[in-house]
Amino acid sequence: MTITDRLAAWLTTSPDGQPVPVEMQLAEIHNRYGSGHLVSRSIQRATPMILRAVEQVQDMTARTA
């Protein structure tokens, strides 16, 4: 499992193991830390790359299922 696979799994799974949209997880991070926090700012900048990575992993998973 690559780091991209792990990132996608973390960002698409709730703490109780249920699937959730990546956008919901990113919003939760922003809400938890607040808009001015370094974590929120970093996630905001990385969001396009995060969304692409999750999409790529989901596409690969769909093709191999």
PDB file of N, CA and C in Angstrom:
ATOM      1  N   MET A   1       0.854  -1.176   0.000  1.00  0.00           N
ATOM      2  CA  MET A   1       0.000   0.000   0.000  1.00  0.00           C
ATOM      3  C   MET A   1       0.902   1.241   0.000  1.00  0.00           C
ATOM      4  N   THR A   2       0.633   2.142  -0.923  1.00  0.00           N
ATOM      5  CA  THR A   2       1.435   3.355  -1.029  1.00  0.00           C
ATOM      6  C   THR A   2       0.910   4.437  -0.087  1.00  0.00           C
ATOM      7  N   ILE A   3       1.686   5.500   0.052  1.00  0.00           N
ATOM      8  CA  ILE A   3       1.247   6.625   0.876  1.00  0.00           C
ATOM      9  C   ILE A   3      -0.024   7.239   0.294  1.00  0.00           C
ATOM     10  N   THR A   4      -0.143   7.261  -1.022  1.00  0.00           N
ATOM     11  CA  THR A   4      -1.352   7.788  -1.656  1.00  0.00           C
ATOM     12  C   THR A   4      -2.558   6.924  -1.313  1.00  0.00           C
ATOM     13  N   ASP A   5      -2.373   5.605  -1.323  1.00  0.00           N
ATOM     14  CA  ASP A   5      -3.457   4.696  -0.940  1.00  0.00           C
ATOM     15  C   ASP A   5      -3.891   4.949   0.503  1.00  0.00           C
ATOM     16  N   ARG A   6      -2.926   5.132   1.369  1.00  0.00           N
ATOM     17  CA  ARG A   6      -3.236   5.360   2.788  1.00  0.00           C
ATOM     18  C   ARG A   6      -3.939   6.689   2.989  1.00  0.00           C
ATOM     19  N   LEU A   7      -3.473   7.718   2.286  1.00  0.00           N
ATOM     20  CA  LEU A   7      -4.113   9.023   2.373  1.00  0.00           C
ATOM     21  C   LEU A   7      -5.566   8.920   1.921  1.00  0.00           C
ATOM     22  N   ALA A   8      -5.789   8.255   0.806  1.00  0.00           N
ATOM     23  CA  ALA A   8      -7.151   8.109   0.288  1.00  0.00           C
ATOM     24  C   ALA A   8      -8.034   7.354   1.276  1.00  0.00           C
ATOM     25  N   ALA A   9      -7.500   6.303   1.873  1.00  0.00           N
ATOM     26  CA  ALA A   9      -8.271   5.534   2.848  1.00  0.00           C
ATOM     27  C   ALA A   9      -8.613   6.384   4.067  1.00  0.00           C
ATOM     28  N   TRP A  10      -7.642   7.129   4.564  1.00  0.00           N
ATOM     29  CA  TRP A  10      -7.861   7.975   5.742  1.00  0.00           C
ATOM     30  C   TRP A  10      -8.896   9.050   5.459  1.00  0.00           C
ATOM     31  N   LEU A  11      -8.844   9.637   4.268  1.00  0.00           N
ATOM     32  CA  LEU A  11      -9.730  10.756   3.946  1.00  0.00           C
ATOM     33  C   LEU A  11     -11.106  10.335   3.449  1.00  0.00           C
ATOM     34  N   THR A  12     -11.333   9.053   3.283  1.00  0.00           N
ATOM     35  CA  THR A  12     -12.642   8.593   2.815  1.00  0.00           C
ATOM     36  C   THR A  12     -13.303   7.624   3.789  1.00  0.00           C
ATOM     37  N   THR A  13     -12.786   7.581   5.020  1.00  0.00           N
ATOM     38  CA  THR A  13     -13.324   6.679   6.026  1.00  0.00           C
ATOM     39  C   THR A  13     -13.518   7.442   7.336  1.00  0.00           C
ATOM     40  N   SER A  14     -14.690   7.303   7.929  1.00  0.00           N
ATOM     41  CA  SER A  14     -14.976   7.963   9.205  1.00  0.00           C
ATOM     42  C   SER A  14     -14.269   7.210  10.333  1.00  0.00           C
ATOM     43  N   PRO A  15     -14.204   7.809  11.523  1.00  0.00           N
ATOM     44  CA  PRO A  15     -13.565   7.112  12.652  1.00  0.00           C
ATOM     45  C   PRO A  15     -14.201   5.757  12.973  1.00  0.00           C
ATOM     46  N   ASP A  16     -15.489   5.603  12.644  1.00  0.00           N
ATOM     47  CA  ASP A  16     -16.137   4.314  12.916  1.00  0.00           C
ATOM     48  C   ASP A  16     -16.136   3.379  11.709  1.00  0.00           C
ATOM     49  N   GLY A  17     -15.335   3.730  10.670  1.00  0.00           N
ATOM     50  CA  GLY A  17     -15.135   2.837   9.540  1.00  0.00           C
ATOM     51  C   GLY A  17     -16.121   2.989   8.392  1.00  0.00           C
ATOM     52  N   GLN A  18     -16.985   3.973   8.470  1.00  0.00           N
ATOM     53  CA  GLN A  18     -17.964   4.184   7.405  1.00  0.00           C
ATOM     54  C   GLN A  18     -17.369   5.050   6.290  1.00  0.00           C
ATOM     55  N   PRO A  19     -17.738   4.781   5.039  1.00  0.00           N
ATOM     56  CA  PRO A  19     -17.246   5.623   3.946  1.00  0.00           C
ATOM     57  C   PRO A  19     -17.841   7.029   4.032  1.00  0.00           C
ATOM     58  N   VAL A  20     -17.012   8.025   3.770  1.00  0.00           N
ATOM     59  CA  VAL A  20     -17.454   9.420   3.748  1.00  0.00           C
ATOM     60  C   VAL A  20     -16.786  10.122   2.570  1.00  0.00           C
ATOM     61  N   PRO A  21     -17.435  11.153   2.033  1.00  0.00           N
ATOM     62  CA  PRO A  21     -16.801  11.911   0.948  1.00  0.00           C
ATOM     63  C   PRO A  21     -15.554  12.640   1.451  1.00  0.00           C
ATOM     64  N   VAL A  22     -14.533  12.686   0.630  1.00  0.00           N
ATOM     65  CA  VAL A  22     -13.285  13.343   1.010  1.00  0.00           C
ATOM     66  C   VAL A  22     -13.543  14.807   1.355  1.00  0.00           C
ATOM     67  N   GLU A  23     -14.469  15.442   0.649  1.00  0.00           N
ATOM     68  CA  GLU A  23     -14.779  16.843   0.919  1.00  0.00           C
ATOM     69  C   GLU A  23     -15.302  17.035   2.339  1.00  0.00           C
ATOM     70  N   MET A  24     -16.038  16.047   2.842  1.00  0.00           N
ATOM     71  CA  MET A  24     -16.552  16.122   4.211  1.00  0.00           C
ATOM     72  C   MET A  24     -15.396  16.033   5.214  1.00  0.00           C
ATOM     73  N   GLN A  25     -14.445  15.165   4.948  1.00  0.00           N
ATOM     74  CA  GLN A  25     -13.293  15.037   5.835  1.00  0.00           C
ATOM     75  C   GLN A  25     -12.459  16.317   5.836  1.00  0.00           C
ATOM     76  N   LEU A  26     -12.251  16.913   4.671  1.00  0.00           N
ATOM     77  CA  LEU A  26     -11.474  18.148   4.596  1.00  0.00           C
ATOM     78  C   LEU A  26     -12.195  19.271   5.341  1.00  0.00           C
ATOM     79  N   ALA A  27     -13.513  19.349   5.192  1.00  0.00           N
ATOM     80  CA  ALA A  27     -14.284  20.367   5.915  1.00  0.00           C
ATOM     81  C   ALA A  27     -14.173  20.152   7.421  1.00  0.00           C
ATOM     82  N   GLU A  28     -14.185  18.903   7.853  1.00  0.00           N
ATOM     83  CA  GLU A  28     -14.068  18.604   9.284  1.00  0.00           C
ATOM     84  C   GLU A  28     -12.718  19.062   9.820  1.00  0.00           C
ATOM     85  N   ILE A  29     -11.666  18.877   9.049  1.00  0.00           N
ATOM     86  CA  ILE A  29     -10.332  19.331   9.461  1.00  0.00           C
ATOM     87  C   ILE A  29     -10.329  20.846   9.629  1.00  0.00           C
ATOM     88  N   HIS A  30     -10.911  21.550   8.669  1.00  0.00           N
ATOM     89  CA  HIS A  30     -10.979  23.015   8.746  1.00  0.00           C
ATOM     90  C   HIS A  30     -11.777  23.455   9.969  1.00  0.00           C
ATOM     91  N   ASN A  31     -12.896  22.784  10.223  1.00  0.00           N
ATOM     92  CA  ASN A  31     -13.715  23.130  11.389  1.00  0.00           C
ATOM     93  C   ASN A  31     -12.985  22.862  12.692  1.00  0.00           C
ATOM     94  N   ARG A  32     -12.256  21.758  12.741  1.00  0.00           N
ATOM     95  CA  ARG A  32     -11.549  21.381  13.963  1.00  0.00           C
ATOM     96  C   ARG A  32     -10.441  22.377  14.299  1.00  0.00           C
ATOM     97  N   TYR A  33      -9.690  22.806  13.301  1.00  0.00           N
ATOM     98  CA  TYR A  33      -8.523  23.647  13.559  1.00  0.00           C
ATOM     99  C   TYR A  33      -8.781  25.141  13.395  1.00  0.00           C
ATOM    100  N   GLY A  34      -9.784  25.515  12.627  1.00  0.00           N
ATOM    101  CA  GLY A  34     -10.044  26.921  12.365  1.00  0.00           C
ATOM    102  C   GLY A  34      -9.259  27.387  11.143  1.00  0.00           C
ATOM    103  N   SER A  35      -9.788  28.398  10.486  1.00  0.00           N
ATOM    104  CA  SER A  35      -9.240  28.801   9.190  1.00  0.00           C
ATOM    105  C   SER A  35      -7.828  29.361   9.259  1.00  0.00           C
ATOM    106  N   GLY A  36      -7.430  29.954  10.384  1.00  0.00           N
ATOM    107  CA  GLY A  36      -6.104  30.548  10.468  1.00  0.00           C
ATOM    108  C   GLY A  36      -4.998  29.591  10.880  1.00  0.00           C
ATOM    109  N   HIS A  37      -5.355  28.400  11.294  1.00  0.00           N
ATOM    110  CA  HIS A  37      -4.367  27.434  11.798  1.00  0.00           C
ATOM    111  C   HIS A  37      -3.510  26.894  10.658  1.00  0.00           C
ATOM    112  N   LEU A  38      -2.267  26.605  10.949  1.00  0.00           N
ATOM    113  CA  LEU A  38      -1.334  26.066   9.963  1.00  0.00           C
ATOM    114  C   LEU A  38      -1.881  24.799   9.289  1.00  0.00           C
ATOM    115  N   VAL A  39      -2.501  23.933  10.062  1.00  0.00           N
ATOM    116  CA  VAL A  39      -3.050  22.700   9.483  1.00  0.00           C
ATOM    117  C   VAL A  39      -4.108  23.035   8.441  1.00  0.00           C
ATOM    118  N   SER A  40      -5.028  23.930   8.780  1.00  0.00           N
ATOM    119  CA  SER A  40      -6.079  24.304   7.832  1.00  0.00           C
ATOM    120  C   SER A  40      -5.505  24.974   6.590  1.00  0.00           C
ATOM    121  N   ARG A  41      -4.558  25.853   6.786  1.00  0.00           N
ATOM    122  CA  ARG A  41      -3.955  26.534   5.635  1.00  0.00           C
ATOM    123  C   ARG A  41      -3.225  25.531   4.742  1.00  0.00           C
ATOM    124  N   SER A  42      -2.540  24.589   5.350  1.00  0.00           N
ATOM    125  CA  SER A  42      -1.821  23.575   4.567  1.00  0.00           C
ATOM    126  C   SER A  42      -2.785  22.687   3.799  1.00  0.00           C
ATOM    127  N   ILE A  43      -3.848  22.253   4.454  1.00  0.00           N
ATOM    128  CA  ILE A  43      -4.848  21.419   3.788  1.00  0.00           C
ATOM    129  C   ILE A  43      -5.500  22.197   2.650  1.00  0.00           C
ATOM    130  N   GLN A  44      -5.782  23.475   2.888  1.00  0.00           N
ATOM    131  CA  GLN A  44      -6.391  24.303   1.845  1.00  0.00           C
ATOM    132  C   GLN A  44      -5.510  24.351   0.605  1.00  0.00           C
ATOM    133  N   ARG A  45      -4.221  24.578   0.807  1.00  0.00           N
ATOM    134  CA  ARG A  45      -3.290  24.634  -0.332  1.00  0.00           C
ATOM    135  C   ARG A  45      -3.161  23.291  -1.032  1.00  0.00           C
ATOM    136  N   ALA A  46      -3.239  22.225  -0.264  1.00  0.00           N
ATOM    137  CA  ALA A  46      -3.036  20.879  -0.819  1.00  0.00           C
ATOM    138  C   ALA A  46      -4.319  20.253  -1.351  1.00  0.00           C
ATOM    139  N   THR A  47      -5.465  20.885  -1.150  1.00  0.00           N
ATOM    140  CA  THR A  47      -6.745  20.277  -1.532  1.00  0.00           C
ATOM    141  C   THR A  47      -6.778  19.790  -2.984  1.00  0.00           C
ATOM    142  N   PRO A  48      -6.342  20.566  -3.972  1.00  0.00           N
ATOM    143  CA  PRO A  48      -6.390  20.024  -5.344  1.00  0.00           C
ATOM    144  C   PRO A  48      -5.585  18.726  -5.504  1.00  0.00           C
ATOM    145  N   MET A  49      -4.423  18.661  -4.880  1.00  0.00           N
ATOM    146  CA  MET A  49      -3.604  17.443  -4.969  1.00  0.00           C
ATOM    147  C   MET A  49      -4.253  16.294  -4.209  1.00  0.00           C
ATOM    148  N   ILE A  50      -4.840  16.595  -3.075  1.00  0.00           N
ATOM    149  CA  ILE A  50      -5.518  15.564  -2.281  1.00  0.00           C
ATOM    150  C   ILE A  50      -6.684  14.985  -3.071  1.00  0.00           C
ATOM    151  N   LEU A  51      -7.493  15.846  -3.657  1.00  0.00           N
ATOM    152  CA  LEU A  51      -8.643  15.372  -4.427  1.00  0.00           C
ATOM    153  C   LEU A  51      -8.210  14.526  -5.616  1.00  0.00           C
ATOM    154  N   ARG A  52      -7.145  14.928  -6.310  1.00  0.00           N
ATOM    155  CA  ARG A  52      -6.633  14.125  -7.430  1.00  0.00           C
ATOM    156  C   ARG A  52      -6.145  12.765  -6.948  1.00  0.00           C
ATOM    157  N   ALA A  53      -5.419  12.751  -5.835  1.00  0.00           N
ATOM    158  CA  ALA A  53      -4.886  11.486  -5.312  1.00  0.00           C
ATOM    159  C   ALA A  53      -6.015  10.540  -4.934  1.00  0.00           C
ATOM    160  N   VAL A  54      -7.019  11.048  -4.258  1.00  0.00           N
ATOM    161  CA  VAL A  54      -8.153  10.209  -3.864  1.00  0.00           C
ATOM    162  C   VAL A  54      -8.869   9.691  -5.108  1.00  0.00           C
ATOM    163  N   GLU A  55      -9.068  10.557  -6.091  1.00  0.00           N
ATOM    164  CA  GLU A  55      -9.727  10.140  -7.326  1.00  0.00           C
ATOM    165  C   GLU A  55      -8.931   9.043  -8.030  1.00  0.00           C
ATOM    166  N   GLN A  56      -7.617   9.181  -8.098  1.00  0.00           N
ATOM    167  CA  GLN A  56      -6.786   8.173  -8.744  1.00  0.00           C
ATOM    168  C   GLN A  56      -6.883   6.825  -8.038  1.00  0.00           C
ATOM    169  N   VAL A  57      -6.827   6.845  -6.719  1.00  0.00           N
ATOM    170  CA  VAL A  57      -6.919   5.588  -5.960  1.00  0.00           C
ATOM    171  C   VAL A  57      -8.297   4.966  -6.150  1.00  0.00           C
ATOM    172  N   GLN A  58      -9.348   5.773  -6.105  1.00  0.00           N
ATOM    173  CA  GLN A  58     -10.690   5.231  -6.296  1.00  0.00           C
ATOM    174  C   GLN A  58     -10.859   4.662  -7.705  1.00  0.00           C
ATOM    175  N   ASP A  59     -10.287   5.335  -8.700  1.00  0.00           N
ATOM    176  CA  ASP A  59     -10.353   4.808 -10.078  1.00  0.00           C
ATOM    177  C   ASP A  59      -9.625   3.475 -10.197  1.00  0.00           C
ATOM    178  N   MET A  60      -8.422   3.399  -9.622  1.00  0.00           N
ATOM    179  CA  MET A  60      -7.657   2.141  -9.676  1.00  0.00           C
ATOM    180  C   MET A  60      -8.399   1.033  -8.942  1.00  0.00           C
ATOM    181  N   THR A  61      -8.995   1.355  -7.826  1.00  0.00           N
ATOM    182  CA  THR A  61      -9.728   0.361  -7.056  1.00  0.00           C
ATOM    183  C   THR A  61     -10.926  -0.137  -7.841  1.00  0.00           C
ATOM    184  N   ALA A  62     -11.640   0.766  -8.499  1.00  0.00           N
ATOM    185  CA  ALA A  62     -12.798   0.377  -9.292  1.00  0.00           C
ATOM    186  C   ALA A  62     -12.407  -0.527 -10.463  1.00  0.00           C
ATOM    187  N   ARG A  63     -11.253  -0.240 -11.072  1.00  0.00           N
ATOM    188  CA  ARG A  63     -10.809  -1.041 -12.213  1.00  0.00           C
ATOM    189  C   ARG A  63     -10.371  -2.449 -11.788  1.00  0.00           C
ATOM    190  N   THR A  64      -9.857  -2.600 -10.582  1.00  0.00           N
ATOM    191  CA  THR A  64      -9.360  -3.899 -10.147  1.00  0.00           C
ATOM    192  C   THR A  64     -10.397  -4.697  -9.367  1.00  0.00           C
ATOM    193  N   ALA A  65     -11.529  -4.106  -9.092  1.00  0.00           N
ATOM    194  CA  ALA A  65     -12.563  -4.806  -8.313  1.00  0.00           C
ATOM    195  C   ALA A  65     -13.356  -5.754  -9.177  1.00  0.00           C
TER     196      ALA A  65
END
